[in-house]
PDB file of N, CA and C in Angstrom:
ATOM      1  N   UNK A   1       0.823  -1.176   0.000  1.00  0.00           N
ATOM      2  CA  UNK A   1       0.000   0.000   0.000  1.00  0.00           C
ATOM      3  C   UNK A   1       0.872   1.245   0.000  1.00  0.00           C
ATOM      4  N   UNK A   2       1.933   1.249   0.811  1.00  0.00           N
ATOM      5  CA  UNK A   2       2.811   2.411   0.857  1.00  0.00           C
ATOM      6  C   UNK A   2       3.597   2.586  -0.433  1.00  0.00           C
ATOM      7  N   UNK A   3       3.912   1.486  -1.113  1.00  0.00           N
ATOM      8  CA  UNK A   3       4.630   1.584  -2.385  1.00  0.00           C
ATOM      9  C   UNK A   3       3.793   2.313  -3.435  1.00  0.00           C
ATOM     10  N   UNK A   4       2.471   2.194  -3.338  1.00  0.00           N
ATOM     11  CA  UNK A   4       1.567   2.865  -4.270  1.00  0.00           C
ATOM     12  C   UNK A   4       1.284   4.306  -3.870  1.00  0.00           C
ATOM     13  N   UNK A   5       1.665   4.683  -2.658  1.00  0.00           N
ATOM     14  CA  UNK A   5       1.409   6.031  -2.145  1.00  0.00           C
ATOM     15  C   UNK A   5       2.708   6.625  -1.603  1.00  0.00           C
ATOM     16  N   UNK A   6       3.559   7.139  -2.473  1.00  0.00           N
ATOM     17  CA  UNK A   6       4.846   7.668  -2.026  1.00  0.00           C
ATOM     18  C   UNK A   6       4.722   8.777  -0.974  1.00  0.00           C
ATOM     19  N   UNK A   7       3.634   9.542  -1.009  1.00  0.00           N
ATOM     20  CA  UNK A   7       3.458  10.612  -0.022  1.00  0.00           C
ATOM     21  C   UNK A   7       3.264  10.064   1.388  1.00  0.00           C
ATOM     22  N   UNK A   8       2.814   8.808   1.510  1.00  0.00           N
ATOM     23  CA  UNK A   8       2.624   8.195   2.820  1.00  0.00           C
ATOM     24  C   UNK A   8       3.829   7.376   3.266  1.00  0.00           C
ATOM     25  N   UNK A   9       4.675   6.990   2.339  1.00  0.00           N
ATOM     26  CA  UNK A   9       5.799   6.107   2.685  1.00  0.00           C
ATOM     27  C   UNK A   9       6.827   6.791   3.579  1.00  0.00           C
ATOM     28  N   UNK A  10       6.841   8.112   3.625  1.00  0.00           N
ATOM     29  CA  UNK A  10       7.778   8.820   4.478  1.00  0.00           C
ATOM     30  C   UNK A  10       7.210   9.164   5.841  1.00  0.00           C
ATOM     31  N   UNK A  11       6.093   8.565   6.213  1.00  0.00           N
ATOM     32  CA  UNK A  11       5.458   8.868   7.493  1.00  0.00           C
ATOM     33  C   UNK A  11       6.394   8.507   8.643  1.00  0.00           C
ATOM     34  N   UNK A  12       6.575   9.456   9.548  1.00  0.00           N
ATOM     35  CA  UNK A  12       7.471   9.246  10.680  1.00  0.00           C
ATOM     36  C   UNK A  12       6.720   8.927  11.967  1.00  0.00           C
ATOM     37  N   UNK A  13       5.422   8.691  11.892  1.00  0.00           N
ATOM     38  CA  UNK A  13       4.648   8.345  13.071  1.00  0.00           C
ATOM     39  C   UNK A  13       3.771   9.460  13.587  1.00  0.00           C
ATOM     40  N   UNK A  14       3.764  10.592  12.924  1.00  0.00           N
ATOM     41  CA  UNK A  14       2.885  11.684  13.314  1.00  0.00           C
ATOM     42  C   UNK A  14       1.435  11.284  13.016  1.00  0.00           C
ATOM     43  N   UNK A  15       0.494  11.567  13.938  1.00  0.00           N
ATOM     44  CA  UNK A  15      -0.906  11.196  13.700  1.00  0.00           C
ATOM     45  C   UNK A  15      -1.472  11.735  12.384  1.00  0.00           C
ATOM     46  N   UNK A  16      -1.000  12.888  11.937  1.00  0.00           N
ATOM     47  CA  UNK A  16      -1.515  13.460  10.690  1.00  0.00           C
ATOM     48  C   UNK A  16      -1.152  12.628   9.466  1.00  0.00           C
ATOM     49  N   UNK A  17      -0.045  11.887   9.521  1.00  0.00           N
ATOM     50  CA  UNK A  17       0.283  11.018   8.382  1.00  0.00           C
ATOM     51  C   UNK A  17      -0.162   9.578   8.623  1.00  0.00           C
ATOM     52  N   UNK A  18      -0.395   9.200   9.888  1.00  0.00           N
ATOM     53  CA  UNK A  18      -0.890   7.849  10.164  1.00  0.00           C
ATOM     54  C   UNK A  18      -2.369   7.708   9.812  1.00  0.00           C
ATOM     55  N   UNK A  19      -3.138   8.786   9.963  1.00  0.00           N
ATOM     56  CA  UNK A  19      -4.581   8.728   9.676  1.00  0.00           C
ATOM     57  C   UNK A  19      -4.866   8.315   8.234  1.00  0.00           C
ATOM     58  N   UNK A  20      -4.220   8.910   7.220  1.00  0.00           N
ATOM     59  CA  UNK A  20      -4.477   8.458   5.849  1.00  0.00           C
ATOM     60  C   UNK A  20      -4.088   6.999   5.608  1.00  0.00           C
ATOM     61  N   UNK A  21      -3.054   6.537   6.321  1.00  0.00           N
ATOM     62  CA  UNK A  21      -2.664   5.124   6.195  1.00  0.00           C
ATOM     63  C   UNK A  21      -3.769   4.243   6.763  1.00  0.00           C
ATOM     64  N   UNK A  22      -4.311   4.612   7.922  1.00  0.00           N
ATOM     65  CA  UNK A  22      -5.420   3.850   8.518  1.00  0.00           C
ATOM     66  C   UNK A  22      -6.607   3.808   7.567  1.00  0.00           C
ATOM     67  N   UNK A  23      -6.944   4.950   6.992  1.00  0.00           N
ATOM     68  CA  UNK A  23      -8.087   4.991   6.060  1.00  0.00           C
ATOM     69  C   UNK A  23      -7.822   4.140   4.821  1.00  0.00           C
ATOM     70  N   UNK A  24      -6.600   4.201   4.281  1.00  0.00           N
ATOM     71  CA  UNK A  24      -6.261   3.401   3.106  1.00  0.00           C
ATOM     72  C   UNK A  24      -6.321   1.905   3.407  1.00  0.00           C
ATOM     73  N   UNK A  25      -6.006   1.535   4.641  1.00  0.00           N
ATOM     74  CA  UNK A  25      -6.077   0.131   5.047  1.00  0.00           C
ATOM     75  C   UNK A  25      -7.500  -0.289   5.401  1.00  0.00           C
ATOM     76  N   UNK A  26      -8.395   0.691   5.548  1.00  0.00           N
ATOM     77  CA  UNK A  26      -9.775   0.386   5.905  1.00  0.00           C
ATOM     78  C   UNK A  26      -9.953   0.020   7.364  1.00  0.00           C
ATOM     79  N   UNK A  27      -9.119   0.597   8.249  1.00  0.00           N
ATOM     80  CA  UNK A  27      -9.217   0.305   9.679  1.00  0.00           C
ATOM     81  C   UNK A  27      -9.601   1.574  10.434  1.00  0.00           C
ATOM     82  N   UNK A  28     -10.231   1.384  11.591  1.00  0.00           N
ATOM     83  CA  UNK A  28     -10.630   2.523  12.419  1.00  0.00           C
ATOM     84  C   UNK A  28      -9.480   3.066  13.242  1.00  0.00           C
ATOM     85  N   UNK A  29      -8.540   2.192  13.607  1.00  0.00           N
ATOM     86  CA  UNK A  29      -7.415   2.581  14.443  1.00  0.00           C
ATOM     87  C   UNK A  29      -6.149   1.902  13.948  1.00  0.00           C
ATOM     88  N   UNK A  30      -5.024   2.550  14.246  1.00  0.00           N
ATOM     89  CA  UNK A  30      -3.731   2.052  13.806  1.00  0.00           C
ATOM     90  C   UNK A  30      -2.736   2.195  14.953  1.00  0.00           C
ATOM     91  N   UNK A  31      -1.897   1.173  15.160  1.00  0.00           N
ATOM     92  CA  UNK A  31      -0.843   1.222  16.168  1.00  0.00           C
ATOM     93  C   UNK A  31       0.473   1.471  15.445  1.00  0.00           C
ATOM     94  N   UNK A  32       1.225   2.434  15.952  1.00  0.00           N
ATOM     95  CA  UNK A  32       2.551   2.734  15.406  1.00  0.00           C
ATOM     96  C   UNK A  32       3.501   2.890  16.576  1.00  0.00           C
ATOM     97  N   UNK A  33       4.772   2.644  16.336  1.00  0.00           N
ATOM     98  CA  UNK A  33       5.697   2.791  17.434  1.00  0.00           C
ATOM     99  C   UNK A  33       7.139   2.670  17.019  1.00  0.00           C
ATOM    100  N   UNK A  34       7.985   2.825  18.022  1.00  0.00           N
ATOM    101  CA  UNK A  34       9.425   2.716  17.839  1.00  0.00           C
ATOM    102  C   UNK A  34      10.006   1.880  18.967  1.00  0.00           C
ATOM    103  N   UNK A  35      11.170   1.289  18.686  1.00  0.00           N
ATOM    104  CA  UNK A  35      11.930   0.548  19.690  1.00  0.00           C
ATOM    105  C   UNK A  35      13.364   1.046  19.608  1.00  0.00           C
ATOM    106  N   UNK A  36      13.904   1.417  20.759  1.00  0.00           N
ATOM    107  CA  UNK A  36      15.300   1.817  20.826  1.00  0.00           C
ATOM    108  C   UNK A  36      16.009   0.941  21.825  1.00  0.00           C
ATOM    109  N   UNK A  37      17.238   0.576  21.531  1.00  0.00           N
ATOM    110  CA  UNK A  37      17.942  -0.330  22.424  1.00  0.00           C
ATOM    111  C   UNK A  37      19.365   0.095  22.705  1.00  0.00           C
ATOM    112  N   UNK A  38      19.825  -0.280  23.893  1.00  0.00           N
ATOM    113  CA  UNK A  38      21.215  -0.095  24.274  1.00  0.00           C
ATOM    114  C   UNK A  38      21.557  -1.242  25.215  1.00  0.00           C
ATOM    115  N   UNK A  39      22.477  -2.096  24.794  1.00  0.00           N
ATOM    116  CA  UNK A  39      22.816  -3.272  25.595  1.00  0.00           C
ATOM    117  C   UNK A  39      21.624  -4.203  25.684  1.00  0.00           C
ATOM    118  N   UNK A  40      21.222  -4.545  26.928  1.00  0.00           N
ATOM    119  CA  UNK A  40      20.056  -5.413  27.091  1.00  0.00           C
ATOM    120  C   UNK A  40      18.837  -4.627  27.563  1.00  0.00           C
ATOM    121  N   UNK A  41      18.838  -3.315  27.356  1.00  0.00           N
ATOM    122  CA  UNK A  41      17.684  -2.471  27.708  1.00  0.00           C
ATOM    123  C   UNK A  41      17.053  -1.909  26.443  1.00  0.00           C
ATOM    124  N   UNK A  42      15.744  -1.854  26.455  1.00  0.00           N
ATOM    125  CA  UNK A  42      14.986  -1.354  25.312  1.00  0.00           C
ATOM    126  C   UNK A  42      13.901  -0.411  25.798  1.00  0.00           C
ATOM    127  N   UNK A  43      13.616   0.600  25.007  1.00  0.00           N
ATOM    128  CA  UNK A  43      12.487   1.480  25.266  1.00  0.00           C
ATOM    129  C   UNK A  43      11.526   1.317  24.096  1.00  0.00           C
ATOM    130  N   UNK A  44      10.289   0.931  24.408  1.00  0.00           N
ATOM    131  CA  UNK A  44       9.244   0.747  23.406  1.00  0.00           C
ATOM    132  C   UNK A  44       8.242   1.877  23.561  1.00  0.00           C
ATOM    133  N   UNK A  45       7.985   2.593  22.478  1.00  0.00           N
ATOM    134  CA  UNK A  45       6.978   3.651  22.451  1.00  0.00           C
ATOM    135  C   UNK A  45       5.905   3.240  21.455  1.00  0.00           C
ATOM    136  N   UNK A  46       4.677   3.124  21.915  1.00  0.00           N
ATOM    137  CA  UNK A  46       3.556   2.767  21.053  1.00  0.00           C
ATOM    138  C   UNK A  46       2.484   3.840  21.165  1.00  0.00           C
ATOM    139  N   UNK A  47       1.792   4.091  20.064  1.00  0.00           N
ATOM    140  CA  UNK A  47       0.649   4.995  20.113  1.00  0.00           C
ATOM    141  C   UNK A  47      -0.481   4.435  19.267  1.00  0.00           C
ATOM    142  N   UNK A  48      -1.695   4.749  19.698  1.00  0.00           N
ATOM    143  CA  UNK A  48      -2.916   4.328  19.022  1.00  0.00           C
ATOM    144  C   UNK A  48      -3.536   5.576  18.417  1.00  0.00           C
ATOM    145  N   UNK A  49      -3.678   5.571  17.092  1.00  0.00           N
ATOM    146  CA  UNK A  49      -4.205   6.720  16.358  1.00  0.00           C
ATOM    147  C   UNK A  49      -5.452   6.279  15.613  1.00  0.00           C
ATOM    148  N   UNK A  50      -6.486   7.120  15.627  1.00  0.00           N
ATOM    149  CA  UNK A  50      -7.695   6.759  14.883  1.00  0.00           C
ATOM    150  C   UNK A  50      -7.621   7.313  13.458  1.00  0.00           C
ATOM    151  N   UNK A  51      -8.537   6.849  12.614  1.00  0.00           N
ATOM    152  CA  UNK A  51      -8.536   7.222  11.197  1.00  0.00           C
ATOM    153  C   UNK A  51      -8.812   8.706  10.991  1.00  0.00           C
ATOM    154  N   UNK A  52      -9.274   9.389  12.028  1.00  0.00           N
ATOM    155  CA  UNK A  52      -9.481  10.825  11.943  1.00  0.00           C
ATOM    156  C   UNK A  52      -8.240  11.624  12.290  1.00  0.00           C
ATOM    157  N   UNK A  53      -7.190  10.967  12.735  1.00  0.00           N
ATOM    158  CA  UNK A  53      -5.932  11.630  13.051  1.00  0.00           C
ATOM    159  C   UNK A  53      -5.749  11.962  14.516  1.00  0.00           C
ATOM    160  N   UNK A  54      -6.656  11.506  15.379  1.00  0.00           N
ATOM    161  CA  UNK A  54      -6.522  11.773  16.814  1.00  0.00           C
ATOM    162  C   UNK A  54      -5.702  10.671  17.477  1.00  0.00           C
ATOM    163  N   UNK A  55      -4.750  11.074  18.310  1.00  0.00           N
ATOM    164  CA  UNK A  55      -4.002  10.094  19.093  1.00  0.00           C
ATOM    165  C   UNK A  55      -4.850   9.721  20.288  1.00  0.00           C
ATOM    166  N   UNK A  56      -5.240   8.449  20.386  1.00  0.00           N
ATOM    167  CA  UNK A  56      -6.139   7.979  21.443  1.00  0.00           C
ATOM    168  C   UNK A  56      -5.416   7.567  22.715  1.00  0.00           C
ATOM    169  N   UNK A  57      -4.235   7.022  22.563  1.00  0.00           N
ATOM    170  CA  UNK A  57      -3.508   6.485  23.723  1.00  0.00           C
ATOM    171  C   UNK A  57      -2.041   6.398  23.368  1.00  0.00           C
ATOM    172  N   UNK A  58      -1.192   6.437  24.389  1.00  0.00           N
ATOM    173  CA  UNK A  58       0.250   6.290  24.204  1.00  0.00           C
ATOM    174  C   UNK A  58       0.796   5.470  25.370  1.00  0.00           C
ATOM    175  N   UNK A  59       1.749   4.589  25.069  1.00  0.00           N
ATOM    176  CA  UNK A  59       2.377   3.750  26.082  1.00  0.00           C
ATOM    177  C   UNK A  59       3.884   3.767  25.844  1.00  0.00           C
ATOM    178  N   UNK A  60       4.632   3.942  26.928  1.00  0.00           N
ATOM    179  CA  UNK A  60       6.088   3.830  26.888  1.00  0.00           C
ATOM    180  C   UNK A  60       6.487   2.791  27.922  1.00  0.00           C
ATOM    181  N   UNK A  61       7.309   1.840  27.514  1.00  0.00           N
ATOM    182  CA  UNK A  61       7.761   0.788  28.423  1.00  0.00           C
ATOM    183  C   UNK A  61       9.269   0.628  28.294  1.00  0.00           C
ATOM    184  N   UNK A  62       9.946   0.518  29.421  1.00  0.00           N
ATOM    185  CA  UNK A  62      11.372   0.213  29.448  1.00  0.00           C
ATOM    186  C   UNK A  62      11.509  -1.266  29.771  1.00  0.00           C
ATOM    187  N   UNK A  63      12.187  -1.988  28.907  1.00  0.00           N
ATOM    188  CA  UNK A  63      12.277  -3.434  29.016  1.00  0.00           C
ATOM    189  C   UNK A  63      13.737  -3.863  29.080  1.00  0.00           C
ATOM    190  N   UNK A  64      13.985  -5.020  29.705  1.00  0.00           N
ATOM    191  CA  UNK A  64      15.335  -5.554  29.830  1.00  0.00           C
ATOM    192  C   UNK A  64      15.321  -7.026  29.437  1.00  0.00           C
ATOM    193  N   UNK A  65      16.380  -7.475  28.796  1.00  0.00           N
ATOM    194  CA  UNK A  65      16.513  -8.881  28.426  1.00  0.00           C
ATOM    195  C   UNK A  65      16.911  -9.031  26.978  1.00  0.00           C
ATOM    196  N   UNK A  66      16.948 -10.272  26.534  1.00  0.00           N
ATOM    197  CA  UNK A  66      17.287 -10.545  25.139  1.00  0.00           C
ATOM    198  C   UNK A  66      16.070 -10.235  24.263  1.00  0.00           C
ATOM    199  N   UNK A  67      16.291  -9.995  22.977  1.00  0.00           N
ATOM    200  CA  UNK A  67      15.157  -9.714  22.091  1.00  0.00           C
ATOM    201  C   UNK A  67      14.067 -10.793  22.140  1.00  0.00           C
ATOM    202  N   UNK A  68      14.457 -12.066  22.247  1.00  0.00           N
ATOM    203  CA  UNK A  68      13.462 -13.141  22.308  1.00  0.00           C
ATOM    204  C   UNK A  68      12.616 -13.059  23.568  1.00  0.00           C
ATOM    205  N   UNK A  69      13.211 -12.629  24.677  1.00  0.00           N
ATOM    206  CA  UNK A  69      12.482 -12.516  25.939  1.00  0.00           C
ATOM    207  C   UNK A  69      11.519 -11.329  25.950  1.00  0.00           C
ATOM    208  N   UNK A  70      11.721 -10.398  25.045  1.00  0.00           N
ATOM    209  CA  UNK A  70      10.928  -9.179  25.051  1.00  0.00           C
ATOM    210  C   UNK A  70       9.573  -9.320  24.381  1.00  0.00           C
ATOM    211  N   UNK A  71       9.365 -10.390  23.641  1.00  0.00           N
ATOM    212  CA  UNK A  71       8.100 -10.564  22.913  1.00  0.00           C
ATOM    213  C   UNK A  71       6.915 -10.470  23.866  1.00  0.00           C
ATOM    214  N   UNK A  72       6.986 -11.153  24.996  1.00  0.00           N
ATOM    215  CA  UNK A  72       5.887 -11.113  25.960  1.00  0.00           C
ATOM    216  C   UNK A  72       5.674  -9.693  26.471  1.00  0.00           C
ATOM    217  N   UNK A  73       6.746  -9.000  26.791  1.00  0.00           N
ATOM    218  CA  UNK A  73       6.629  -7.646  27.339  1.00  0.00           C
ATOM    219  C   UNK A  73       6.046  -6.673  26.319  1.00  0.00           C
ATOM    220  N   UNK A  74       6.392  -6.839  25.059  1.00  0.00           N
ATOM    221  CA  UNK A  74       5.813  -5.985  24.015  1.00  0.00           C
ATOM    222  C   UNK A  74       4.328  -6.283  23.873  1.00  0.00           C
ATOM    223  N   UNK A  75       3.928  -7.543  23.992  1.00  0.00           N
ATOM    224  CA  UNK A  75       2.494  -7.885  23.967  1.00  0.00           C
ATOM    225  C   UNK A  75       1.756  -7.205  25.115  1.00  0.00           C
ATOM    226  N   UNK A  76       2.346  -7.218  26.308  1.00  0.00           N
ATOM    227  CA  UNK A  76       1.728  -6.555  27.461  1.00  0.00           C
ATOM    228  C   UNK A  76       1.572  -5.066  27.183  1.00  0.00           C
ATOM    229  N   UNK A  77       2.598  -4.440  26.609  1.00  0.00           N
ATOM    230  CA  UNK A  77       2.516  -3.013  26.275  1.00  0.00           C
ATOM    231  C   UNK A  77       1.419  -2.762  25.247  1.00  0.00           C
ATOM    232  N   UNK A  78       1.276  -3.655  24.277  1.00  0.00           N
ATOM    233  CA  UNK A  78       0.227  -3.493  23.259  1.00  0.00           C
ATOM    234  C   UNK A  78      -1.158  -3.629  23.882  1.00  0.00           C
ATOM    235  N   UNK A  79      -1.339  -4.565  24.788  1.00  0.00           N
ATOM    236  CA  UNK A  79      -2.629  -4.678  25.494  1.00  0.00           C
ATOM    237  C   UNK A  79      -2.900  -3.431  26.322  1.00  0.00           C
ATOM    238  N   UNK A  80      -1.875  -2.925  27.010  1.00  0.00           N
ATOM    239  CA  UNK A  80      -2.033  -1.717  27.814  1.00  0.00           C
ATOM    240  C   UNK A  80      -2.477  -0.549  26.929  1.00  0.00           C
ATOM    241  N   UNK A  81      -2.032  -0.563  25.683  1.00  0.00           N
ATOM    242  CA  UNK A  81      -2.369   0.490  24.731  1.00  0.00           C
ATOM    243  C   UNK A  81      -3.777   0.332  24.170  1.00  0.00           C
ATOM    244  N   UNK A  82      -4.067  -0.827  23.606  1.00  0.00           N
ATOM    245  CA  UNK A  82      -5.289  -1.008  22.822  1.00  0.00           C
ATOM    246  C   UNK A  82      -6.448  -1.635  23.581  1.00  0.00           C
ATOM    247  N   UNK A  83      -6.169  -2.441  24.594  1.00  0.00           N
ATOM    248  CA  UNK A  83      -7.242  -3.131  25.318  1.00  0.00           C
ATOM    249  C   UNK A  83      -6.875  -3.276  26.792  1.00  0.00           C
ATOM    250  N   UNK A  84      -6.714  -2.169  27.511  1.00  0.00           N
ATOM    251  CA  UNK A  84      -6.270  -2.269  28.905  1.00  0.00           C
ATOM    252  C   UNK A  84      -7.219  -3.065  29.794  1.00  0.00           C
ATOM    253  N   UNK A  85      -8.492  -3.110  29.449  1.00  0.00           N
ATOM    254  CA  UNK A  85      -9.452  -3.878  30.249  1.00  0.00           C
ATOM    255  C   UNK A  85      -9.198  -5.383  30.165  1.00  0.00           C
ATOM    256  N   UNK A  86      -8.484  -5.831  29.150  1.00  0.00           N
ATOM    257  CA  UNK A  86      -8.170  -7.258  29.003  1.00  0.00           C
ATOM    258  C   UNK A  86      -6.865  -7.642  29.688  1.00  0.00           C
ATOM    259  N   UNK A  87      -6.123  -6.664  30.174  1.00  0.00           N
ATOM    260  CA  UNK A  87      -4.870  -6.917  30.870  1.00  0.00           C
ATOM    261  C   UNK A  87      -5.192  -7.128  32.340  1.00  0.00           C
ATOM    262  N   UNK A  88      -5.161  -8.385  32.764  1.00  0.00           N
ATOM    263  CA  UNK A  88      -5.595  -8.712  34.115  1.00  0.00           C
ATOM    264  C   UNK A  88      -4.449  -8.781  35.107  1.00  0.00           C
ATOM    265  N   UNK A  89      -3.228  -8.909  34.647  1.00  0.00           N
ATOM    266  CA  UNK A  89      -2.119  -8.928  35.588  1.00  0.00           C
ATOM    267  C   UNK A  89      -0.842  -9.431  34.963  1.00  0.00           C
ATOM    268  N   UNK A  90       0.254  -9.051  35.586  1.00  0.00           N
ATOM    269  CA  UNK A  90       1.557  -9.479  35.114  1.00  0.00           C
ATOM    270  C   UNK A  90       2.524  -9.440  36.286  1.00  0.00           C
ATOM    271  N   UNK A  91       3.315 -10.474  36.427  1.00  0.00           N
ATOM    272  CA  UNK A  91       4.320 -10.536  37.481  1.00  0.00           C
ATOM    273  C   UNK A  91       5.642 -10.918  36.832  1.00  0.00           C
ATOM    274  N   UNK A  92       6.678 -10.159  37.145  1.00  0.00           N
ATOM    275  CA  UNK A  92       8.015 -10.475  36.642  1.00  0.00           C
ATOM    276  C   UNK A  92       8.975 -10.526  37.821  1.00  0.00           C
ATOM    277  N   UNK A  93       9.786 -11.565  37.866  1.00  0.00           N
ATOM    278  CA  UNK A  93      10.819 -11.690  38.894  1.00  0.00           C
ATOM    279  C   UNK A  93      12.153 -11.830  38.191  1.00  0.00           C
ATOM    280  N   UNK A  94      13.131 -11.062  38.653  1.00  0.00           N
ATOM    281  CA  UNK A  94      14.467 -11.120  38.083  1.00  0.00           C
ATOM    282  C   UNK A  94      15.448 -11.173  39.238  1.00  0.00           C
ATOM    283  N   UNK A  95      16.298 -12.203  39.243  1.00  0.00           N
ATOM    284  CA  UNK A  95      17.272 -12.314  40.321  1.00  0.00           C
ATOM    285  C   UNK A  95      18.569 -12.869  39.777  1.00  0.00           C
ATOM    286  N   UNK A  96      19.649 -12.459  40.369  1.00  0.00           N
ATOM    287  CA  UNK A  96      20.943 -13.030  40.035  1.00  0.00           C
ATOM    288  C   UNK A  96      21.640 -13.569  41.283  1.00  0.00           C
ATOM    289  N   UNK A  97      20.875 -13.780  42.347  1.00  0.00           N
ATOM    290  CA  UNK A  97      21.426 -14.287  43.608  1.00  0.00           C
ATOM    291  C   UNK A  97      21.712 -15.786  43.465  1.00  0.00           C
ATOM    292  N   UNK A  98      22.944 -16.147  43.597  1.00  0.00           N
ATOM    293  CA  UNK A  98      23.350 -17.543  43.485  1.00  0.00           C
ATOM    294  C   UNK A  98      22.903 -18.309  44.719  1.00  0.00           C
ATOM    295  N   UNK A  99      22.274 -19.458  44.514  1.00  0.00           N
ATOM    296  CA  UNK A  99      21.860 -20.321  45.606  1.00  0.00           C
ATOM    297  C   UNK A  99      20.628 -19.845  46.354  1.00  0.00           C
ATOM    298  N   UNK A 100      19.995 -18.800  45.869  1.00  0.00           N
ATOM    299  CA  UNK A 100      18.806 -18.280  46.561  1.00  0.00           C
ATOM    300  C   UNK A 100      17.617 -19.168  46.236  1.00  0.00           C
ATOM    301  N   UNK A 101      16.798 -19.392  47.223  1.00  0.00           N
ATOM    302  CA  UNK A 101      15.564 -20.145  47.013  1.00  0.00           C
ATOM    303  C   UNK A 101      14.400 -19.185  47.053  1.00  0.00           C
ATOM    304  N   UNK A 102      13.381 -19.488  46.290  1.00  0.00           N
ATOM    305  CA  UNK A 102      12.210 -18.610  46.239  1.00  0.00           C
ATOM    306  C   UNK A 102      10.975 -19.475  46.242  1.00  0.00           C
ATOM    307  N   UNK A 103      10.117 -19.226  47.198  1.00  0.00           N
ATOM    308  CA  UNK A 103       8.818 -19.898  47.233  1.00  0.00           C
ATOM    309  C   UNK A 103       7.772 -18.798  47.284  1.00  0.00           C
ATOM    310  N   UNK A 104       6.882 -18.813  46.347  1.00  0.00           N
ATOM    311  CA  UNK A 104       5.879 -17.755  46.317  1.00  0.00           C
ATOM    312  C   UNK A 104       4.559 -18.308  45.782  1.00  0.00           C
ATOM    313  N   UNK A 105       3.501 -17.691  46.232  1.00  0.00           N
ATOM    314  CA  UNK A 105       2.178 -18.026  45.738  1.00  0.00           C
ATOM    315  C   UNK A 105       1.502 -16.702  45.352  1.00  0.00           C
ATOM    316  N   UNK A 106       1.060 -16.608  44.130  1.00  0.00           N
ATOM    317  CA  UNK A 106       0.427 -15.393  43.656  1.00  0.00           C
ATOM    318  C   UNK A 106      -0.998 -15.694  43.228  1.00  0.00           C
ATOM    319  N   UNK A 107      -1.892 -14.832  43.580  1.00  0.00           N
ATOM    320  CA  UNK A 107      -3.258 -14.884  43.072  1.00  0.00           C
ATOM    321  C   UNK A 107      -3.537 -13.540  42.434  1.00  0.00           C
ATOM    322  N   UNK A 108      -3.851 -13.563  41.157  1.00  0.00           N
ATOM    323  CA  UNK A 108      -4.117 -12.320  40.422  1.00  0.00           C
ATOM    324  C   UNK A 108      -5.576 -12.329  39.995  1.00  0.00           C
ATOM    325  N   UNK A 109      -6.265 -11.277  40.337  1.00  0.00           N
ATOM    326  CA  UNK A 109      -7.672 -11.149  39.959  1.00  0.00           C
ATOM    327  C   UNK A 109      -7.833 -10.100  38.893  1.00  0.00           C
TER     328      UNK A 109
END
């Protein structure tokens, strides 16, 4: 679609250029974003724009780990953006303590 519309192919994520892309795709809303990384840290910026050009929501998440480990975290950020009512809970534990034992019970409602 962008190859057929050179004026849209240079869109940098501004809602004013995302709206025509949403309309050309025939969707009411469009998610756009960027990922920046340094070492094992990443910053994900996502925004939800409607076909009228209004930015409906924005989410920024700082994530740590390998790219493969980040897939789940990016999904959580996308739910937080587009369907926060469906995000019921998330727990992350990170430890580098050698020989440490952990016993935990979590109930998430």
